[in-house]
Amino acid sequence: MGQNTDERLKRAIAALDELSALAHETGFGQSALFLDMARLQLQLDVNGITDDEFSQFCDAVENRKFVCGAGERPLASRARARRTGDLHVMGRAWREPQDRTPQRGRARAGR
């Protein structure tokens, strides 16, 4: 493929990203899924990944046999990065809009 074609295909992939996001936002889940599949297929074609290579990759991920490039340790066994705890310090503020005052002191049922 020529450079012009590659650039146009990359723009098409970006357009599919935007359309997929719009479909998700508006509640068209099945349409968003089809747009995501079209995007994936375009990416496979642009990068020259064959169906067999993609199938082997999916099998490796599914069976957790996917390993790092240089090591023998599977990716799934890596330690995950811990959160910094910034949201914990903020308390409930991150969960409630700033302009809404939280309700306090509601009467319990039966009192």
PDB file of N, CA and C in Angstrom:
ATOM      1  N   MET A   1       0.835  -1.182   0.000  1.00  0.00           N
ATOM      2  CA  MET A   1       0.000   0.000   0.000  1.00  0.00           C
ATOM      3  C   MET A   1       0.879   1.243   0.000  1.00  0.00           C
ATOM      4  N   GLY A   2       0.425   2.244  -0.687  1.00  0.00           N
ATOM      5  CA  GLY A   2       1.157   3.492  -0.746  1.00  0.00           C
ATOM      6  C   GLY A   2       0.970   4.306   0.516  1.00  0.00           C
ATOM      7  N   GLN A   3       1.819   5.320   0.674  1.00  0.00           N
ATOM      8  CA  GLN A   3       1.755   6.163   1.852  1.00  0.00           C
ATOM      9  C   GLN A   3       0.417   6.897   1.919  1.00  0.00           C
ATOM     10  N   ASN A   4      -0.099   7.326   0.767  1.00  0.00           N
ATOM     11  CA  ASN A   4      -1.377   8.025   0.720  1.00  0.00           C
ATOM     12  C   ASN A   4      -2.510   7.113   1.193  1.00  0.00           C
ATOM     13  N   THR A   5      -2.484   5.860   0.748  1.00  0.00           N
ATOM     14  CA  THR A   5      -3.517   4.899   1.149  1.00  0.00           C
ATOM     15  C   THR A   5      -3.435   4.608   2.635  1.00  0.00           C
ATOM     16  N   ASP A   6      -2.217   4.428   3.153  1.00  0.00           N
ATOM     17  CA  ASP A   6      -2.051   4.170   4.586  1.00  0.00           C
ATOM     18  C   ASP A   6      -2.606   5.317   5.425  1.00  0.00           C
ATOM     19  N   GLU A   7      -2.335   6.528   5.003  1.00  0.00           N
ATOM     20  CA  GLU A   7      -2.821   7.696   5.738  1.00  0.00           C
ATOM     21  C   GLU A   7      -4.349   7.761   5.714  1.00  0.00           C
ATOM     22  N   ARG A   8      -4.933   7.464   4.575  1.00  0.00           N
ATOM     23  CA  ARG A   8      -6.402   7.474   4.471  1.00  0.00           C
ATOM     24  C   ARG A   8      -7.012   6.380   5.346  1.00  0.00           C
ATOM     25  N   LEU A   9      -6.370   5.214   5.393  1.00  0.00           N
ATOM     26  CA  LEU A   9      -6.879   4.123   6.232  1.00  0.00           C
ATOM     27  C   LEU A   9      -6.753   4.473   7.716  1.00  0.00           C
ATOM     28  N   LYS A  10      -5.684   5.152   8.097  1.00  0.00           N
ATOM     29  CA  LYS A  10      -5.532   5.585   9.486  1.00  0.00           C
ATOM     30  C   LYS A  10      -6.603   6.601   9.861  1.00  0.00           C
ATOM     31  N   ARG A  11      -6.948   7.484   8.926  1.00  0.00           N
ATOM     32  CA  ARG A  11      -8.043   8.430   9.180  1.00  0.00           C
ATOM     33  C   ARG A  11      -9.383   7.693   9.295  1.00  0.00           C
ATOM     34  N   ALA A  12      -9.556   6.636   8.492  1.00  0.00           N
ATOM     35  CA  ALA A  12     -10.786   5.839   8.569  1.00  0.00           C
ATOM     36  C   ALA A  12     -10.887   5.154   9.936  1.00  0.00           C
ATOM     37  N   ILE A  13      -9.760   4.658  10.445  1.00  0.00           N
ATOM     38  CA  ILE A  13      -9.752   4.021  11.765  1.00  0.00           C
ATOM     39  C   ILE A  13     -10.114   5.045  12.833  1.00  0.00           C
ATOM     40  N   ALA A  14      -9.580   6.254  12.730  1.00  0.00           N
ATOM     41  CA  ALA A  14      -9.913   7.319  13.689  1.00  0.00           C
ATOM     42  C   ALA A  14     -11.396   7.680  13.603  1.00  0.00           C
ATOM     43  N   ALA A  15     -11.929   7.704  12.392  1.00  0.00           N
ATOM     44  CA  ALA A  15     -13.361   8.010  12.217  1.00  0.00           C
ATOM     45  C   ALA A  15     -14.218   6.905  12.836  1.00  0.00           C
ATOM     46  N   LEU A  16     -13.799   5.657  12.680  1.00  0.00           N
ATOM     47  CA  LEU A  16     -14.541   4.554  13.297  1.00  0.00           C
ATOM     48  C   LEU A  16     -14.499   4.650  14.819  1.00  0.00           C
ATOM     49  N   ASP A  17     -13.372   5.110  15.374  1.00  0.00           N
ATOM     50  CA  ASP A  17     -13.282   5.335  16.823  1.00  0.00           C
ATOM     51  C   ASP A  17     -14.336   6.339  17.277  1.00  0.00           C
ATOM     52  N   GLU A  18     -14.431   7.445  16.554  1.00  0.00           N
ATOM     53  CA  GLU A  18     -15.397   8.486  16.912  1.00  0.00           C
ATOM     54  C   GLU A  18     -16.836   7.978  16.782  1.00  0.00           C
ATOM     55  N   LEU A  19     -17.114   7.264  15.708  1.00  0.00           N
ATOM     56  CA  LEU A  19     -18.465   6.735  15.510  1.00  0.00           C
ATOM     57  C   LEU A  19     -18.823   5.714  16.583  1.00  0.00           C
ATOM     58  N   SER A  20     -17.858   4.896  16.946  1.00  0.00           N
ATOM     59  CA  SER A  20     -18.089   3.901  17.987  1.00  0.00           C
ATOM     60  C   SER A  20     -18.386   4.574  19.323  1.00  0.00           C
ATOM     61  N   ALA A  21     -17.619   5.616  19.655  1.00  0.00           N
ATOM     62  CA  ALA A  21     -17.858   6.346  20.900  1.00  0.00           C
ATOM     63  C   ALA A  21     -19.245   6.978  20.897  1.00  0.00           C
ATOM     64  N   LEU A  22     -19.644   7.537  19.769  1.00  0.00           N
ATOM     65  CA  LEU A  22     -20.974   8.135  19.659  1.00  0.00           C
ATOM     66  C   LEU A  22     -22.064   7.075  19.830  1.00  0.00           C
ATOM     67  N   ALA A  23     -21.871   5.926  19.222  1.00  0.00           N
ATOM     68  CA  ALA A  23     -22.853   4.838  19.346  1.00  0.00           C
ATOM     69  C   ALA A  23     -22.963   4.378  20.799  1.00  0.00           C
ATOM     70  N   HIS A  24     -21.827   4.278  21.498  1.00  0.00           N
ATOM     71  CA  HIS A  24     -21.852   3.896  22.918  1.00  0.00           C
ATOM     72  C   HIS A  24     -22.603   4.936  23.736  1.00  0.00           C
ATOM     73  N   GLU A  25     -22.303   6.218  23.500  1.00  0.00           N
ATOM     74  CA  GLU A  25     -22.930   7.301  24.262  1.00  0.00           C
ATOM     75  C   GLU A  25     -24.436   7.345  24.070  1.00  0.00           C
ATOM     76  N   THR A  26     -24.887   7.040  22.869  1.00  0.00           N
ATOM     77  CA  THR A  26     -26.321   7.132  22.585  1.00  0.00           C
ATOM     78  C   THR A  26     -27.066   5.838  22.865  1.00  0.00           C
ATOM     79  N   GLY A  27     -26.348   4.823  23.359  1.00  0.00           N
ATOM     80  CA  GLY A  27     -27.008   3.595  23.767  1.00  0.00           C
ATOM     81  C   GLY A  27     -27.198   2.568  22.669  1.00  0.00           C
ATOM     82  N   PHE A  28     -26.508   2.716  21.559  1.00  0.00           N
ATOM     83  CA  PHE A  28     -26.604   1.736  20.486  1.00  0.00           C
ATOM     84  C   PHE A  28     -25.448   0.742  20.616  1.00  0.00           C
ATOM     85  N   GLY A  29     -25.546  -0.133  21.611  1.00  0.00           N
ATOM     86  CA  GLY A  29     -24.464  -1.054  21.938  1.00  0.00           C
ATOM     87  C   GLY A  29     -24.097  -2.001  20.814  1.00  0.00           C
ATOM     88  N   GLN A  30     -25.087  -2.550  20.131  1.00  0.00           N
ATOM     89  CA  GLN A  30     -24.794  -3.501  19.063  1.00  0.00           C
ATOM     90  C   GLN A  30     -24.129  -2.799  17.875  1.00  0.00           C
ATOM     91  N   SER A  31     -24.586  -1.614  17.545  1.00  0.00           N
ATOM     92  CA  SER A  31     -23.952  -0.849  16.472  1.00  0.00           C
ATOM     93  C   SER A  31     -22.514  -0.501  16.842  1.00  0.00           C
ATOM     94  N   ALA A  32     -22.288  -0.142  18.106  1.00  0.00           N
ATOM     95  CA  ALA A  32     -20.935   0.161  18.564  1.00  0.00           C
ATOM     96  C   ALA A  32     -20.038  -1.066  18.444  1.00  0.00           C
ATOM     97  N   LEU A  33     -20.584  -2.230  18.754  1.00  0.00           N
ATOM     98  CA  LEU A  33     -19.816  -3.471  18.625  1.00  0.00           C
ATOM     99  C   LEU A  33     -19.411  -3.724  17.177  1.00  0.00           C
ATOM    100  N   PHE A  34     -20.330  -3.524  16.246  1.00  0.00           N
ATOM    101  CA  PHE A  34     -20.011  -3.715  14.822  1.00  0.00           C
ATOM    102  C   PHE A  34     -18.958  -2.708  14.351  1.00  0.00           C
ATOM    103  N   LEU A  35     -19.049  -1.465  14.828  1.00  0.00           N
ATOM    104  CA  LEU A  35     -18.044  -0.461  14.469  1.00  0.00           C
ATOM    105  C   LEU A  35     -16.672  -0.830  15.045  1.00  0.00           C
ATOM    106  N   ASP A  36     -16.657  -1.361  16.274  1.00  0.00           N
ATOM    107  CA  ASP A  36     -15.402  -1.804  16.880  1.00  0.00           C
ATOM    108  C   ASP A  36     -14.787  -2.962  16.097  1.00  0.00           C
ATOM    109  N   MET A  37     -15.637  -3.878  15.633  1.00  0.00           N
ATOM    110  CA  MET A  37     -15.123  -5.009  14.843  1.00  0.00           C
ATOM    111  C   MET A  37     -14.580  -4.531  13.501  1.00  0.00           C
ATOM    112  N   ALA A  38     -15.251  -3.565  12.881  1.00  0.00           N
ATOM    113  CA  ALA A  38     -14.765  -3.021  11.614  1.00  0.00           C
ATOM    114  C   ALA A  38     -13.420  -2.329  11.812  1.00  0.00           C
ATOM    115  N   ARG A  39     -13.280  -1.616  12.909  1.00  0.00           N
ATOM    116  CA  ARG A  39     -12.016  -0.940  13.229  1.00  0.00           C
ATOM    117  C   ARG A  39     -10.904  -1.966  13.418  1.00  0.00           C
ATOM    118  N   LEU A  40     -11.185  -3.021  14.163  1.00  0.00           N
ATOM    119  CA  LEU A  40     -10.180  -4.064  14.387  1.00  0.00           C
ATOM    120  C   LEU A  40      -9.760  -4.716  13.076  1.00  0.00           C
ATOM    121  N   GLN A  41     -10.732  -5.006  12.216  1.00  0.00           N
ATOM    122  CA  GLN A  41     -10.402  -5.629  10.934  1.00  0.00           C
ATOM    123  C   GLN A  41      -9.527  -4.716  10.081  1.00  0.00           C
ATOM    124  N   LEU A  42      -9.846  -3.430  10.076  1.00  0.00           N
ATOM    125  CA  LEU A  42      -9.015  -2.473   9.334  1.00  0.00           C
ATOM    126  C   LEU A  42      -7.595  -2.423   9.895  1.00  0.00           C
ATOM    127  N   GLN A  43      -7.469  -2.424  11.216  1.00  0.00           N
ATOM    128  CA  GLN A  43      -6.149  -2.406  11.827  1.00  0.00           C
ATOM    129  C   GLN A  43      -5.359  -3.662  11.464  1.00  0.00           C
ATOM    130  N   LEU A  44      -6.022  -4.798  11.457  1.00  0.00           N
ATOM    131  CA  LEU A  44      -5.344  -6.043  11.074  1.00  0.00           C
ATOM    132  C   LEU A  44      -4.850  -5.959   9.633  1.00  0.00           C
ATOM    133  N   ASP A  45      -5.699  -5.449   8.751  1.00  0.00           N
ATOM    134  CA  ASP A  45      -5.326  -5.340   7.339  1.00  0.00           C
ATOM    135  C   ASP A  45      -4.175  -4.350   7.136  1.00  0.00           C
ATOM    136  N   VAL A  46      -4.252  -3.192   7.774  1.00  0.00           N
ATOM    137  CA  VAL A  46      -3.223  -2.163   7.622  1.00  0.00           C
ATOM    138  C   VAL A  46      -1.868  -2.680   8.110  1.00  0.00           C
ATOM    139  N   ASN A  47      -1.876  -3.425   9.211  1.00  0.00           N
ATOM    140  CA  ASN A  47      -0.628  -3.911   9.795  1.00  0.00           C
ATOM    141  C   ASN A  47      -0.184  -5.269   9.252  1.00  0.00           C
ATOM    142  N   GLY A  48      -0.937  -5.825   8.308  1.00  0.00           N
ATOM    143  CA  GLY A  48      -0.545  -7.075   7.671  1.00  0.00           C
ATOM    144  C   GLY A  48      -0.590  -8.285   8.581  1.00  0.00           C
ATOM    145  N   ILE A  49      -1.489  -8.299   9.528  1.00  0.00           N
ATOM    146  CA  ILE A  49      -1.635  -9.430  10.441  1.00  0.00           C
ATOM    147  C   ILE A  49      -2.616 -10.425   9.827  1.00  0.00           C
ATOM    148  N   THR A  50      -2.168 -11.671   9.689  1.00  0.00           N
ATOM    149  CA  THR A  50      -3.011 -12.694   9.064  1.00  0.00           C
ATOM    150  C   THR A  50      -4.040 -13.222  10.056  1.00  0.00           C
ATOM    151  N   ASP A  51      -5.047 -13.900   9.525  1.00  0.00           N
ATOM    152  CA  ASP A  51      -6.067 -14.503  10.385  1.00  0.00           C
ATOM    153  C   ASP A  51      -5.453 -15.544  11.313  1.00  0.00           C
ATOM    154  N   ASP A  52      -4.482 -16.314  10.806  1.00  0.00           N
ATOM    155  CA  ASP A  52      -3.830 -17.328  11.642  1.00  0.00           C
ATOM    156  C   ASP A  52      -3.051 -16.686  12.791  1.00  0.00           C
ATOM    157  N   GLU A  53      -2.316 -15.611  12.503  1.00  0.00           N
ATOM    158  CA  GLU A  53      -1.561 -14.920  13.548  1.00  0.00           C
ATOM    159  C   GLU A  53      -2.494 -14.353  14.611  1.00  0.00           C
ATOM    160  N   PHE A  54      -3.586 -13.755  14.172  1.00  0.00           N
ATOM    161  CA  PHE A  54      -4.528 -13.173  15.129  1.00  0.00           C
ATOM    162  C   PHE A  54      -5.192 -14.264  15.964  1.00  0.00           C
ATOM    163  N   SER A  55      -5.527 -15.381  15.328  1.00  0.00           N
ATOM    164  CA  SER A  55      -6.138 -16.503  16.036  1.00  0.00           C
ATOM    165  C   SER A  55      -5.186 -17.069  17.091  1.00  0.00           C
ATOM    166  N   GLN A  56      -3.914 -17.206  16.735  1.00  0.00           N
ATOM    167  CA  GLN A  56      -2.924 -17.701  17.692  1.00  0.00           C
ATOM    168  C   GLN A  56      -2.754 -16.731  18.860  1.00  0.00           C
ATOM    169  N   PHE A  57      -2.764 -15.447  18.557  1.00  0.00           N
ATOM    170  CA  PHE A  57      -2.671 -14.437  19.610  1.00  0.00           C
ATOM    171  C   PHE A  57      -3.856 -14.546  20.567  1.00  0.00           C
ATOM    172  N   CYS A  58      -5.063 -14.654  20.007  1.00  0.00           N
ATOM    173  CA  CYS A  58      -6.265 -14.755  20.840  1.00  0.00           C
ATOM    174  C   CYS A  58      -6.225 -16.011  21.709  1.00  0.00           C
ATOM    175  N   ASP A  59      -5.775 -17.128  21.131  1.00  0.00           N
ATOM    176  CA  ASP A  59      -5.660 -18.367  21.896  1.00  0.00           C
ATOM    177  C   ASP A  59      -4.663 -18.213  23.041  1.00  0.00           C
ATOM    178  N   ALA A  60      -3.534 -17.571  22.763  1.00  0.00           N
ATOM    179  CA  ALA A  60      -2.516 -17.381  23.799  1.00  0.00           C
ATOM    180  C   ALA A  60      -3.046 -16.518  24.932  1.00  0.00           C
ATOM    181  N   VAL A  61      -3.764 -15.457  24.601  1.00  0.00           N
ATOM    182  CA  VAL A  61      -4.323 -14.581  25.636  1.00  0.00           C
ATOM    183  C   VAL A  61      -5.389 -15.327  26.428  1.00  0.00           C
ATOM    184  N   GLU A  62      -6.246 -16.068  25.731  1.00  0.00           N
ATOM    185  CA  GLU A  62      -7.320 -16.805  26.388  1.00  0.00           C
ATOM    186  C   GLU A  62      -6.778 -17.865  27.331  1.00  0.00           C
ATOM    187  N   ASN A  63      -5.706 -18.529  26.947  1.00  0.00           N
ATOM    188  CA  ASN A  63      -5.131 -19.605  27.760  1.00  0.00           C
ATOM    189  C   ASN A  63      -4.044 -19.106  28.711  1.00  0.00           C
ATOM    190  N   ARG A  64      -3.862 -17.793  28.765  1.00  0.00           N
ATOM    191  CA  ARG A  64      -2.866 -17.163  29.634  1.00  0.00           C
ATOM    192  C   ARG A  64      -1.467 -17.707  29.391  1.00  0.00           C
ATOM    193  N   LYS A  65      -1.167 -17.960  28.136  1.00  0.00           N
ATOM    194  CA  LYS A  65       0.165 -18.434  27.764  1.00  0.00           C
ATOM    195  C   LYS A  65       0.964 -17.324  27.099  1.00  0.00           C
ATOM    196  N   PHE A  66       0.488 -16.115  27.212  1.00  0.00           N
ATOM    197  CA  PHE A  66       1.151 -14.971  26.616  1.00  0.00           C
ATOM    198  C   PHE A  66       2.287 -14.557  27.539  1.00  0.00           C
ATOM    199  N   VAL A  67       3.509 -14.491  27.028  1.00  0.00           N
ATOM    200  CA  VAL A  67       4.663 -14.173  27.866  1.00  0.00           C
ATOM    201  C   VAL A  67       5.333 -12.897  27.380  1.00  0.00           C
ATOM    202  N   CYS A  68       6.149 -12.322  28.233  1.00  0.00           N
ATOM    203  CA  CYS A  68       6.921 -11.135  27.881  1.00  0.00           C
ATOM    204  C   CYS A  68       7.933 -11.499  26.805  1.00  0.00           C
ATOM    205  N   GLY A  69       8.416 -10.504  26.118  1.00  0.00           N
ATOM    206  CA  GLY A  69       9.369 -10.742  25.045  1.00  0.00           C
ATOM    207  C   GLY A  69      10.626 -11.453  25.501  1.00  0.00           C
ATOM    208  N   ALA A  70      11.262 -11.010  26.589  1.00  0.00           N
ATOM    209  CA  ALA A  70      12.537 -11.581  27.002  1.00  0.00           C
ATOM    210  C   ALA A  70      12.391 -12.573  28.143  1.00  0.00           C
ATOM    211  N   GLY A  71      11.349 -12.456  28.915  1.00  0.00           N
ATOM    212  CA  GLY A  71      11.214 -13.306  30.093  1.00  0.00           C
ATOM    213  C   GLY A  71      10.306 -14.499  29.858  1.00  0.00           C
ATOM    214  N   GLU A  72      10.247 -15.349  30.863  1.00  0.00           N
ATOM    215  CA  GLU A  72       9.373 -16.521  30.788  1.00  0.00           C
ATOM    216  C   GLU A  72       8.148 -16.353  31.669  1.00  0.00           C
ATOM    217  N   ARG A  73       8.045 -15.197  32.295  1.00  0.00           N
ATOM    218  CA  ARG A  73       6.954 -14.950  33.229  1.00  0.00           C
ATOM    219  C   ARG A  73       5.725 -14.447  32.484  1.00  0.00           C
ATOM    220  N   PRO A  74       4.559 -15.051  32.665  1.00  0.00           N
ATOM    221  CA  PRO A  74       3.349 -14.572  31.981  1.00  0.00           C
ATOM    222  C   PRO A  74       2.977 -13.167  32.441  1.00  0.00           C
ATOM    223  N   LEU A  75       2.366 -12.432  31.543  1.00  0.00           N
ATOM    224  CA  LEU A  75       1.961 -11.063  31.864  1.00  0.00           C
ATOM    225  C   LEU A  75       0.932 -11.029  32.983  1.00  0.00           C
ATOM    226  N   ALA A  76       0.086 -12.051  33.069  1.00  0.00           N
ATOM    227  CA  ALA A  76      -0.977 -12.053  34.066  1.00  0.00           C
ATOM    228  C   ALA A  76      -0.429 -12.117  35.483  1.00  0.00           C
ATOM    229  N   SER A  77       0.804 -12.599  35.667  1.00  0.00           N
ATOM    230  CA  SER A  77       1.337 -12.735  37.017  1.00  0.00           C
ATOM    231  C   SER A  77       2.102 -11.508  37.489  1.00  0.00           C
ATOM    232  N   ARG A  78       2.187 -10.482  36.664  1.00  0.00           N
ATOM    233  CA  ARG A  78       2.860  -9.250  37.082  1.00  0.00           C
ATOM    234  C   ARG A  78       2.063  -8.558  38.176  1.00  0.00           C
ATOM    235  N   ALA A  79       2.775  -7.900  39.046  1.00  0.00           N
ATOM    236  CA  ALA A  79       2.101  -7.128  40.085  1.00  0.00           C
ATOM    237  C   ALA A  79       1.470  -5.896  39.446  1.00  0.00           C
ATOM    238  N   ARG A  80       0.240  -5.602  39.821  1.00  0.00           N
ATOM    239  CA  ARG A  80      -0.435  -4.428  39.285  1.00  0.00           C
ATOM    240  C   ARG A  80       0.008  -3.184  40.030  1.00  0.00           C
ATOM    241  N   ALA A  81      -0.012  -2.082  39.330  1.00  0.00           N
ATOM    242  CA  ALA A  81       0.341  -0.806  39.947  1.00  0.00           C
ATOM    243  C   ALA A  81      -0.730  -0.418  40.952  1.00  0.00           C
ATOM    244  N   ARG A  82      -0.312   0.066  42.095  1.00  0.00           N
ATOM    245  CA  ARG A  82      -1.260   0.465  43.126  1.00  0.00           C
ATOM    246  C   ARG A  82      -1.712   1.899  42.889  1.00  0.00           C
ATOM    247  N   ARG A  83      -2.910   2.181  43.320  1.00  0.00           N
ATOM    248  CA  ARG A  83      -3.426   3.543  43.207  1.00  0.00           C
ATOM    249  C   ARG A  83      -2.759   4.414  44.255  1.00  0.00           C
ATOM    250  N   THR A  84      -2.694   5.701  43.976  1.00  0.00           N
ATOM    251  CA  THR A  84      -2.029   6.629  44.890  1.00  0.00           C
ATOM    252  C   THR A  84      -2.875   6.956  46.104  1.00  0.00           C
ATOM    253  N   GLY A  85      -4.164   6.782  46.023  1.00  0.00           N
ATOM    254  CA  GLY A  85      -5.030   7.069  47.151  1.00  0.00           C
ATOM    255  C   GLY A  85      -5.534   8.493  47.179  1.00  0.00           C
ATOM    256  N   ASP A  86      -5.333   9.243  46.100  1.00  0.00           N
ATOM    257  CA  ASP A  86      -5.787  10.629  46.069  1.00  0.00           C
ATOM    258  C   ASP A  86      -7.293  10.737  46.284  1.00  0.00           C
ATOM    259  N   LEU A  87      -8.041   9.822  45.719  1.00  0.00           N
ATOM    260  CA  LEU A  87      -9.493   9.896  45.859  1.00  0.00           C
ATOM    261  C   LEU A  87      -9.924   9.577  47.289  1.00  0.00           C
ATOM    262  N   HIS A  88      -9.172   8.743  47.974  1.00  0.00           N
ATOM    263  CA  HIS A  88      -9.514   8.404  49.358  1.00  0.00           C
ATOM    264  C   HIS A  88      -9.426   9.631  50.260  1.00  0.00           C
ATOM    265  N   VAL A  89      -8.443  10.460  50.046  1.00  0.00           N
ATOM    266  CA  VAL A  89      -8.253  11.663  50.848  1.00  0.00           C
ATOM    267  C   VAL A  89      -9.411  12.637  50.640  1.00  0.00           C
ATOM    268  N   MET A  90      -9.962  12.651  49.447  1.00  0.00           N
ATOM    269  CA  MET A  90     -11.041  13.582  49.133  1.00  0.00           C
ATOM    270  C   MET A  90     -12.366  13.175  49.762  1.00  0.00           C
ATOM    271  N   GLY A  91     -12.451  11.982  50.277  1.00  0.00           N
ATOM    272  CA  GLY A  91     -13.700  11.522  50.867  1.00  0.00           C
ATOM    273  C   GLY A  91     -14.762  11.331  49.803  1.00  0.00           C
ATOM    274  N   ARG A  92     -15.962  11.756  50.097  1.00  0.00           N
ATOM    275  CA  ARG A  92     -17.075  11.566  49.178  1.00  0.00           C
ATOM    276  C   ARG A  92     -17.135  12.643  48.109  1.00  0.00           C
ATOM    277  N   ALA A  93     -16.303  13.630  48.158  1.00  0.00           N
ATOM    278  CA  ALA A  93     -16.383  14.752  47.232  1.00  0.00           C
ATOM    279  C   ALA A  93     -16.273  14.315  45.784  1.00  0.00           C
ATOM    280  N   TRP A  94     -15.502  13.302  45.517  1.00  0.00           N
ATOM    281  CA  TRP A  94     -15.332  12.863  44.136  1.00  0.00           C
ATOM    282  C   TRP A  94     -16.561  12.158  43.600  1.00  0.00           C
ATOM    283  N   ARG A  95     -17.466  11.724  44.474  1.00  0.00           N
ATOM    284  CA  ARG A  95     -18.657  11.007  44.023  1.00  0.00           C
ATOM    285  C   ARG A  95     -19.876  11.898  43.841  1.00  0.00           C
ATOM    286  N   GLU A  96     -19.862  13.082  44.410  1.00  0.00           N
ATOM    287  CA  GLU A  96     -21.041  13.938  44.361  1.00  0.00           C
ATOM    288  C   GLU A  96     -20.723  15.239  43.636  1.00  0.00           C
ATOM    289  N   PRO A  97     -21.666  15.742  42.850  1.00  0.00           N
ATOM    290  CA  PRO A  97     -21.446  17.013  42.157  1.00  0.00           C
ATOM    291  C   PRO A  97     -21.192  18.139  43.154  1.00  0.00           C
ATOM    292  N   GLN A  98     -20.410  19.124  42.747  1.00  0.00           N
ATOM    293  CA  GLN A  98     -20.045  20.225  43.626  1.00  0.00           C
ATOM    294  C   GLN A  98     -21.238  21.095  44.022  1.00  0.00           C
ATOM    295  N   ASP A  99     -22.225  21.233  43.144  1.00  0.00           N
ATOM    296  CA  ASP A  99     -23.337  22.132  43.426  1.00  0.00           C
ATOM    297  C   ASP A  99     -24.438  21.473  44.255  1.00  0.00           C
ATOM    298  N   ARG A 100     -24.338  20.207  44.511  1.00  0.00           N
ATOM    299  CA  ARG A 100     -25.365  19.494  45.274  1.00  0.00           C
ATOM    300  C   ARG A 100     -24.897  19.325  46.713  1.00  0.00           C
ATOM    301  N   THR A 101     -25.749  19.696  47.659  1.00  0.00           N
ATOM    302  CA  THR A 101     -25.392  19.497  49.059  1.00  0.00           C
ATOM    303  C   THR A 101     -25.872  18.121  49.489  1.00  0.00           C
ATOM    304  N   PRO A 102     -24.999  17.358  50.135  1.00  0.00           N
ATOM    305  CA  PRO A 102     -25.403  16.022  50.551  1.00  0.00           C
ATOM    306  C   PRO A 102     -26.491  16.080  51.612  1.00  0.00           C
ATOM    307  N   GLN A 103     -27.397  15.126  51.568  1.00  0.00           N
ATOM    308  CA  GLN A 103     -28.466  15.061  52.555  1.00  0.00           C
ATOM    309  C   GLN A 103     -27.916  14.434  53.822  1.00  0.00           C
ATOM    310  N   ARG A 104     -28.201  15.063  54.928  1.00  0.00           N
ATOM    311  CA  ARG A 104     -27.722  14.551  56.200  1.00  0.00           C
ATOM    312  C   ARG A 104     -28.875  14.426  57.189  1.00  0.00           C
ATOM    313  N   GLY A 105     -28.737  13.526  58.114  1.00  0.00           N
ATOM    314  CA  GLY A 105     -29.668  13.419  59.220  1.00  0.00           C
ATOM    315  C   GLY A 105     -31.077  12.988  58.836  1.00  0.00           C
ATOM    316  N   ARG A 106     -31.179  12.061  57.877  1.00  0.00           N
ATOM    317  CA  ARG A 106     -32.508  11.564  57.568  1.00  0.00           C
ATOM    318  C   ARG A 106     -33.042  10.727  58.724  1.00  0.00           C
ATOM    319  N   ALA A 107     -34.331  10.829  58.962  1.00  0.00           N
ATOM    320  CA  ALA A 107     -34.942  10.045  60.024  1.00  0.00           C
ATOM    321  C   ALA A 107     -34.967   8.578  59.626  1.00  0.00           C
ATOM    322  N   ARG A 108     -34.687   7.724  60.573  1.00  0.00           N
ATOM    323  CA  ARG A 108     -34.738   6.293  60.326  1.00  0.00           C
ATOM    324  C   ARG A 108     -36.168   5.808  60.364  1.00  0.00           C
ATOM    325  N   ALA A 109     -36.429   4.763  59.628  1.00  0.00           N
ATOM    326  CA  ALA A 109     -37.774   4.203  59.614  1.00  0.00           C
ATOM    327  C   ALA A 109     -38.097   3.621  60.984  1.00  0.00           C
ATOM    328  N   GLY A 110     -39.314   3.869  61.462  1.00  0.00           N
ATOM    329  CA  GLY A 110     -39.751   3.299  62.727  1.00  0.00           C
ATOM    330  C   GLY A 110     -39.443   4.169  63.937  1.00  0.00           C
ATOM    331  N   ARG A 111     -38.959   5.366  63.751  1.00  0.00           N
ATOM    332  CA  ARG A 111     -38.650   6.250  64.888  1.00  0.00           C
ATOM    333  C   ARG A 111     -39.531   7.454  64.878  1.00  0.00           C
TER     334      ARG A 111
END
